[in-house]
N, C-alpha and C. Protein backbone atom coordinates (compact mmCIF):
# COMPACT_ATOMS: atom_id res chain seq x y z
N UNK A 1 -42.47 47.41 186.81
CA UNK A 1 -41.55 46.82 185.88
C UNK A 1 -41.87 45.37 185.62
N UNK A 2 -41.12 44.81 184.76
CA UNK A 2 -41.30 43.44 184.32
C UNK A 2 -41.27 42.45 185.48
N UNK A 3 -40.24 42.54 186.35
CA UNK A 3 -40.14 41.60 187.46
C UNK A 3 -41.11 41.93 188.58
N UNK A 4 -41.55 43.15 188.65
CA UNK A 4 -42.46 43.55 189.71
C UNK A 4 -43.81 42.86 189.64
N UNK A 5 -44.17 42.33 188.47
CA UNK A 5 -45.46 41.66 188.30
C UNK A 5 -45.43 40.19 188.72
N UNK A 6 -44.26 39.68 189.04
CA UNK A 6 -44.13 38.26 189.41
C UNK A 6 -44.49 38.07 190.88
N UNK A 7 -45.32 37.05 191.17
CA UNK A 7 -45.61 36.78 192.58
C UNK A 7 -44.35 36.25 193.27
N UNK A 8 -44.20 36.61 194.52
CA UNK A 8 -43.03 36.17 195.27
C UNK A 8 -43.28 34.76 195.79
N UNK A 9 -42.48 33.81 195.35
CA UNK A 9 -42.61 32.43 195.79
C UNK A 9 -41.22 31.90 196.15
N UNK A 10 -41.19 31.16 197.22
CA UNK A 10 -39.94 30.54 197.64
C UNK A 10 -40.11 29.04 197.57
N UNK A 11 -39.11 28.39 197.07
CA UNK A 11 -39.14 26.94 196.99
C UNK A 11 -37.95 26.41 197.79
N UNK A 12 -38.22 25.48 198.66
CA UNK A 12 -37.16 24.85 199.44
C UNK A 12 -36.98 23.43 198.93
N UNK A 13 -35.75 23.08 198.61
CA UNK A 13 -35.45 21.75 198.10
C UNK A 13 -34.46 21.09 199.04
N UNK A 14 -34.74 19.85 199.39
CA UNK A 14 -33.82 19.09 200.23
C UNK A 14 -33.49 17.81 199.50
N UNK A 15 -32.21 17.54 199.35
CA UNK A 15 -31.79 16.33 198.65
C UNK A 15 -31.29 15.32 199.67
N UNK A 16 -31.27 14.08 199.26
CA UNK A 16 -30.73 13.03 200.13
C UNK A 16 -29.23 13.26 200.29
N UNK A 17 -28.73 13.03 201.49
CA UNK A 17 -27.30 13.19 201.70
C UNK A 17 -26.57 11.97 201.17
N UNK A 18 -25.30 12.17 200.87
CA UNK A 18 -24.43 11.11 200.35
C UNK A 18 -23.04 11.37 200.92
N UNK A 19 -22.14 10.46 200.71
CA UNK A 19 -20.76 10.65 201.16
C UNK A 19 -20.15 11.86 200.44
N UNK A 20 -19.24 12.58 201.10
CA UNK A 20 -18.57 13.70 200.44
C UNK A 20 -17.82 13.21 199.20
N UNK A 21 -17.71 14.08 198.21
CA UNK A 21 -16.97 13.73 197.00
C UNK A 21 -15.72 14.59 196.89
N UNK A 22 -14.78 14.14 196.09
CA UNK A 22 -13.54 14.87 195.91
C UNK A 22 -12.61 14.64 197.09
N UNK A 23 -11.61 15.50 197.17
CA UNK A 23 -10.65 15.40 198.27
C UNK A 23 -10.45 16.76 198.92
N UNK A 24 -10.03 16.75 200.15
CA UNK A 24 -9.89 17.95 200.96
C UNK A 24 -8.61 18.70 200.55
N UNK A 25 -8.69 19.99 200.21
CA UNK A 25 -7.48 20.76 199.93
C UNK A 25 -6.65 20.88 201.21
N UNK A 26 -5.46 20.30 201.23
CA UNK A 26 -4.65 20.26 202.45
C UNK A 26 -3.18 20.50 202.12
N UNK A 27 -2.43 20.96 203.13
CA UNK A 27 -1.00 21.18 202.99
C UNK A 27 -0.33 21.04 204.34
N UNK A 28 1.01 20.93 204.30
CA UNK A 28 1.81 20.78 205.51
C UNK A 28 2.63 22.05 205.75
N UNK A 29 2.74 22.44 207.01
CA UNK A 29 3.65 23.52 207.42
C UNK A 29 4.70 22.88 208.31
N UNK A 30 5.95 22.93 207.86
CA UNK A 30 7.04 22.23 208.53
C UNK A 30 8.05 23.26 209.04
N UNK A 31 8.39 23.15 210.31
CA UNK A 31 9.42 24.00 210.90
C UNK A 31 10.39 23.12 211.68
N UNK A 32 11.57 23.65 211.90
CA UNK A 32 12.54 22.89 212.69
C UNK A 32 12.20 23.03 214.17
N UNK A 33 12.64 22.09 214.94
CA UNK A 33 12.38 22.10 216.38
C UNK A 33 13.70 22.32 217.10
N UNK A 34 13.63 22.34 218.41
CA UNK A 34 14.86 22.48 219.20
C UNK A 34 15.78 21.29 218.98
N UNK A 35 15.18 20.15 218.71
CA UNK A 35 15.94 18.93 218.43
C UNK A 35 16.13 18.84 216.91
N UNK A 36 17.37 18.90 216.41
CA UNK A 36 17.58 18.88 214.96
C UNK A 36 17.15 17.57 214.29
N UNK A 37 16.90 16.55 215.08
CA UNK A 37 16.50 15.25 214.54
C UNK A 37 14.98 15.16 214.33
N UNK A 38 14.23 16.17 214.81
CA UNK A 38 12.77 16.11 214.79
C UNK A 38 12.22 17.35 214.09
N UNK A 39 11.12 17.19 213.35
CA UNK A 39 10.47 18.32 212.67
C UNK A 39 9.11 18.60 213.31
N UNK A 40 8.78 19.87 213.43
CA UNK A 40 7.44 20.28 213.86
C UNK A 40 6.57 20.34 212.61
N UNK A 41 5.43 19.69 212.66
CA UNK A 41 4.56 19.63 211.49
C UNK A 41 3.12 19.96 211.90
N UNK A 42 2.52 20.89 211.15
CA UNK A 42 1.10 21.21 211.30
C UNK A 42 0.43 20.91 209.97
N UNK A 43 -0.67 20.18 210.00
CA UNK A 43 -1.47 19.90 208.81
C UNK A 43 -2.61 20.91 208.78
N UNK A 44 -2.75 21.60 207.65
CA UNK A 44 -3.85 22.56 207.45
C UNK A 44 -4.72 22.07 206.31
N UNK A 45 -6.01 22.40 206.36
CA UNK A 45 -6.89 22.08 205.26
C UNK A 45 -8.00 23.10 205.17
N UNK A 46 -8.59 23.15 203.97
CA UNK A 46 -9.75 24.00 203.73
C UNK A 46 -11.00 23.13 203.76
N UNK A 47 -12.12 23.76 204.04
CA UNK A 47 -13.40 23.08 204.02
C UNK A 47 -13.70 22.62 202.59
N UNK A 48 -14.29 21.45 202.45
CA UNK A 48 -14.74 21.02 201.13
C UNK A 48 -15.75 22.03 200.60
N UNK A 49 -15.77 22.29 199.30
CA UNK A 49 -16.81 23.18 198.75
C UNK A 49 -18.19 22.63 199.09
N UNK A 50 -19.17 23.48 199.36
CA UNK A 50 -20.50 23.02 199.74
C UNK A 50 -21.09 21.98 198.78
N UNK A 51 -20.85 22.14 197.48
CA UNK A 51 -21.41 21.19 196.51
C UNK A 51 -20.80 19.79 196.66
N UNK A 52 -19.63 19.69 197.28
CA UNK A 52 -18.96 18.39 197.46
C UNK A 52 -19.22 17.77 198.83
N UNK A 53 -19.81 18.53 199.75
CA UNK A 53 -19.99 18.03 201.12
C UNK A 53 -21.11 16.99 201.21
N UNK A 54 -22.16 17.16 200.44
CA UNK A 54 -23.30 16.23 200.43
C UNK A 54 -23.88 15.99 201.83
N UNK A 55 -23.93 17.01 202.62
CA UNK A 55 -24.42 16.92 204.00
C UNK A 55 -23.46 17.66 204.91
N UNK A 56 -23.74 17.64 206.19
CA UNK A 56 -22.86 18.32 207.15
C UNK A 56 -21.61 17.49 207.40
N UNK A 57 -20.45 18.14 207.30
CA UNK A 57 -19.19 17.45 207.61
C UNK A 57 -19.11 17.31 209.12
N UNK A 58 -19.04 16.08 209.60
CA UNK A 58 -19.01 15.82 211.04
C UNK A 58 -17.60 15.84 211.59
N UNK A 59 -16.64 15.39 210.78
CA UNK A 59 -15.25 15.39 211.25
C UNK A 59 -14.31 15.19 210.08
N UNK A 60 -13.04 15.46 210.37
CA UNK A 60 -11.94 15.18 209.46
C UNK A 60 -11.07 14.14 210.15
N UNK A 61 -10.36 13.36 209.37
CA UNK A 61 -9.43 12.39 209.93
C UNK A 61 -8.08 12.59 209.28
N UNK A 62 -7.05 12.64 210.13
CA UNK A 62 -5.67 12.76 209.67
C UNK A 62 -4.94 11.49 210.08
N UNK A 63 -4.28 10.86 209.12
CA UNK A 63 -3.50 9.65 209.38
C UNK A 63 -2.06 9.91 208.96
N UNK A 64 -1.13 9.51 209.82
CA UNK A 64 0.30 9.68 209.55
C UNK A 64 0.94 8.30 209.59
N UNK A 65 1.76 8.01 208.58
CA UNK A 65 2.47 6.73 208.54
C UNK A 65 3.89 6.98 208.05
N UNK A 66 4.84 6.30 208.66
CA UNK A 66 6.23 6.43 208.20
C UNK A 66 6.45 5.52 207.00
N UNK A 67 7.46 5.87 206.22
CA UNK A 67 7.81 5.10 205.03
C UNK A 67 9.22 4.54 205.21
N UNK A 68 9.41 3.33 204.74
CA UNK A 68 10.74 2.73 204.82
C UNK A 68 11.64 3.35 203.76
N UNK A 69 12.90 3.00 203.80
CA UNK A 69 13.88 3.57 202.85
C UNK A 69 13.50 3.30 201.40
N UNK A 70 12.83 2.16 201.14
CA UNK A 70 12.44 1.85 199.76
C UNK A 70 11.11 2.48 199.36
N UNK A 71 10.54 3.32 200.25
CA UNK A 71 9.32 4.06 199.93
C UNK A 71 8.03 3.37 200.33
N UNK A 72 8.11 2.14 200.82
CA UNK A 72 6.92 1.42 201.25
C UNK A 72 6.46 1.92 202.62
N UNK A 73 5.15 1.86 202.87
CA UNK A 73 4.65 2.23 204.19
C UNK A 73 5.16 1.22 205.21
N UNK A 74 5.65 1.73 206.33
CA UNK A 74 6.15 0.85 207.38
C UNK A 74 4.98 0.18 208.08
N UNK A 75 5.08 -1.15 208.31
CA UNK A 75 3.98 -1.85 208.98
C UNK A 75 3.74 -1.29 210.38
N UNK A 76 2.48 -1.20 210.76
CA UNK A 76 2.06 -0.78 212.10
C UNK A 76 2.54 0.62 212.49
N UNK A 77 2.78 1.48 211.50
CA UNK A 77 3.25 2.83 211.83
C UNK A 77 2.13 3.86 211.77
N UNK A 78 0.93 3.45 211.35
CA UNK A 78 -0.18 4.41 211.22
C UNK A 78 -0.59 4.98 212.57
N UNK A 79 -0.76 6.29 212.60
CA UNK A 79 -1.36 6.98 213.74
C UNK A 79 -2.53 7.77 213.18
N UNK A 80 -3.71 7.60 213.73
CA UNK A 80 -4.92 8.24 213.23
C UNK A 80 -5.46 9.22 214.26
N UNK A 81 -5.84 10.42 213.76
CA UNK A 81 -6.31 11.48 214.64
C UNK A 81 -7.64 12.01 214.11
N UNK A 82 -8.76 11.76 214.80
CA UNK A 82 -10.03 12.39 214.41
C UNK A 82 -10.04 13.85 214.86
N UNK A 83 -10.61 14.70 214.01
CA UNK A 83 -10.63 16.14 214.27
C UNK A 83 -12.07 16.64 214.08
N UNK A 84 -12.59 17.48 214.99
CA UNK A 84 -13.96 18.01 214.83
C UNK A 84 -14.15 18.70 213.48
N UNK A 85 -15.37 18.62 212.94
CA UNK A 85 -15.67 19.15 211.62
C UNK A 85 -15.48 20.64 211.45
N UNK A 86 -15.43 21.40 212.56
CA UNK A 86 -15.23 22.85 212.43
C UNK A 86 -13.77 23.26 212.58
N UNK A 87 -12.87 22.31 212.75
CA UNK A 87 -11.44 22.61 212.91
C UNK A 87 -10.74 22.46 211.57
N UNK A 88 -9.74 23.30 211.28
CA UNK A 88 -9.06 23.31 209.99
C UNK A 88 -7.56 23.07 210.08
N UNK A 89 -7.09 22.54 211.20
CA UNK A 89 -5.66 22.23 211.31
C UNK A 89 -5.46 21.19 212.40
N UNK A 90 -4.28 20.56 212.35
CA UNK A 90 -3.89 19.63 213.40
C UNK A 90 -2.38 19.76 213.58
N UNK A 91 -1.98 20.16 214.79
CA UNK A 91 -0.56 20.30 215.12
C UNK A 91 -0.06 18.95 215.61
N UNK A 92 0.62 18.23 214.73
CA UNK A 92 1.08 16.89 215.07
C UNK A 92 2.11 16.90 216.19
N UNK A 93 2.95 17.92 216.20
CA UNK A 93 3.98 18.03 217.23
C UNK A 93 3.37 18.25 218.61
N UNK A 94 2.31 19.05 218.67
CA UNK A 94 1.65 19.32 219.95
C UNK A 94 0.99 18.06 220.51
N UNK A 95 0.72 17.10 219.64
CA UNK A 95 0.14 15.83 220.08
C UNK A 95 1.21 14.85 220.56
N UNK A 96 2.47 15.29 220.49
CA UNK A 96 3.56 14.44 220.94
C UNK A 96 4.11 13.54 219.84
N UNK A 97 3.66 13.74 218.61
CA UNK A 97 4.16 12.93 217.50
C UNK A 97 5.50 13.51 217.04
N UNK A 98 6.55 12.74 217.18
CA UNK A 98 7.88 13.20 216.79
C UNK A 98 8.20 12.66 215.40
N UNK A 99 8.17 13.55 214.42
CA UNK A 99 8.46 13.17 213.05
C UNK A 99 9.95 13.36 212.79
N UNK A 100 10.64 12.25 212.69
CA UNK A 100 12.09 12.26 212.57
C UNK A 100 12.53 12.84 211.22
N UNK A 101 13.60 13.62 211.25
CA UNK A 101 14.11 14.26 210.04
C UNK A 101 14.66 13.24 209.04
N UNK A 102 15.15 12.11 209.53
CA UNK A 102 15.75 11.11 208.64
C UNK A 102 14.74 10.08 208.13
N UNK A 103 13.45 10.37 208.29
CA UNK A 103 12.38 9.46 207.87
C UNK A 103 11.38 10.22 207.02
N UNK A 104 10.85 9.56 206.00
CA UNK A 104 9.78 10.17 205.21
C UNK A 104 8.44 9.64 205.72
N UNK A 105 7.38 10.43 205.49
CA UNK A 105 6.05 10.11 206.01
C UNK A 105 5.00 10.37 204.95
N UNK A 106 3.90 9.66 205.07
CA UNK A 106 2.70 9.93 204.29
C UNK A 106 1.64 10.45 205.26
N UNK A 107 1.03 11.57 204.91
CA UNK A 107 -0.03 12.16 205.73
C UNK A 107 -1.30 12.16 204.86
N UNK A 108 -2.37 11.58 205.38
CA UNK A 108 -3.64 11.53 204.65
C UNK A 108 -4.70 12.30 205.42
N UNK A 109 -5.56 12.98 204.67
CA UNK A 109 -6.67 13.74 205.26
C UNK A 109 -7.93 13.39 204.50
N UNK A 110 -9.02 13.13 205.23
CA UNK A 110 -10.33 12.98 204.57
C UNK A 110 -11.41 13.56 205.45
N UNK A 111 -12.53 13.93 204.80
CA UNK A 111 -13.70 14.49 205.49
C UNK A 111 -14.78 13.42 205.57
N UNK A 112 -15.57 13.48 206.65
CA UNK A 112 -16.67 12.52 206.82
C UNK A 112 -17.98 13.24 207.11
N UNK A 113 -19.07 12.65 206.63
CA UNK A 113 -20.40 13.06 207.05
C UNK A 113 -21.15 11.81 207.48
N UNK A 114 -22.43 11.92 207.73
CA UNK A 114 -23.18 10.77 208.25
C UNK A 114 -23.28 9.61 207.26
N UNK A 115 -23.01 9.86 205.98
CA UNK A 115 -23.15 8.82 204.95
C UNK A 115 -21.83 8.20 204.50
N UNK A 116 -20.70 8.78 204.90
CA UNK A 116 -19.43 8.21 204.45
C UNK A 116 -18.30 9.21 204.50
N UNK A 117 -17.29 8.97 203.68
CA UNK A 117 -16.09 9.81 203.71
C UNK A 117 -15.64 10.18 202.30
N UNK A 118 -14.85 11.25 202.24
CA UNK A 118 -14.31 11.70 200.96
C UNK A 118 -13.11 10.83 200.58
N UNK A 119 -12.57 11.12 199.42
CA UNK A 119 -11.32 10.48 199.02
C UNK A 119 -10.20 11.02 199.90
N UNK A 120 -9.13 10.23 200.03
CA UNK A 120 -7.96 10.69 200.77
C UNK A 120 -7.22 11.77 200.00
N UNK A 121 -6.79 12.79 200.70
CA UNK A 121 -5.77 13.70 200.19
C UNK A 121 -4.47 13.16 200.73
N UNK A 122 -3.51 12.88 199.87
CA UNK A 122 -2.25 12.27 200.29
C UNK A 122 -1.14 13.31 200.16
N UNK A 123 -0.48 13.58 201.29
CA UNK A 123 0.63 14.52 201.34
C UNK A 123 1.89 13.75 201.70
N UNK A 124 2.99 14.04 201.03
CA UNK A 124 4.25 13.37 201.33
C UNK A 124 5.18 14.32 202.07
N UNK A 125 5.70 13.86 203.17
CA UNK A 125 6.71 14.59 203.94
C UNK A 125 8.03 13.86 203.71
N UNK A 126 8.89 14.39 202.84
CA UNK A 126 10.12 13.67 202.53
C UNK A 126 11.13 13.72 203.67
N UNK A 127 12.00 12.77 203.63
CA UNK A 127 13.13 12.75 204.56
C UNK A 127 14.01 13.97 204.24
N UNK A 128 14.55 14.63 205.26
CA UNK A 128 15.39 15.79 205.03
C UNK A 128 16.70 15.36 204.38
N UNK A 129 17.19 16.23 203.49
CA UNK A 129 18.45 15.95 202.82
C UNK A 129 18.28 15.17 201.53
N UNK A 130 17.05 14.81 201.19
CA UNK A 130 16.80 14.08 199.92
C UNK A 130 15.91 14.89 199.03
């Protein structure tokens, strides 16, 4: 046949790595805890599409910060958690982080490779009752 006459050749192409592009698809799973004043929160994310990774993803970083009543980030409230590149979730409650029901939070997730990091994915955890 037509394709049967073509010699079999393989070409391997390697491109220079760069920082990941885009943002990590992420979401929050929130459940109530034994303490009605505290919420259990797990952050989940999907792997960046291969075309956006620009190299091997070495780790993900999750940052949690509380917000004041006027919506501004509270000073010195950031908690940062590095996560291995093959992991796709972080249970904030299991780490001892008590996310108060009467406080809103910003949760950020980004992926890193040897050349840099992706854009932040920003998730908002609103205060309960609002």
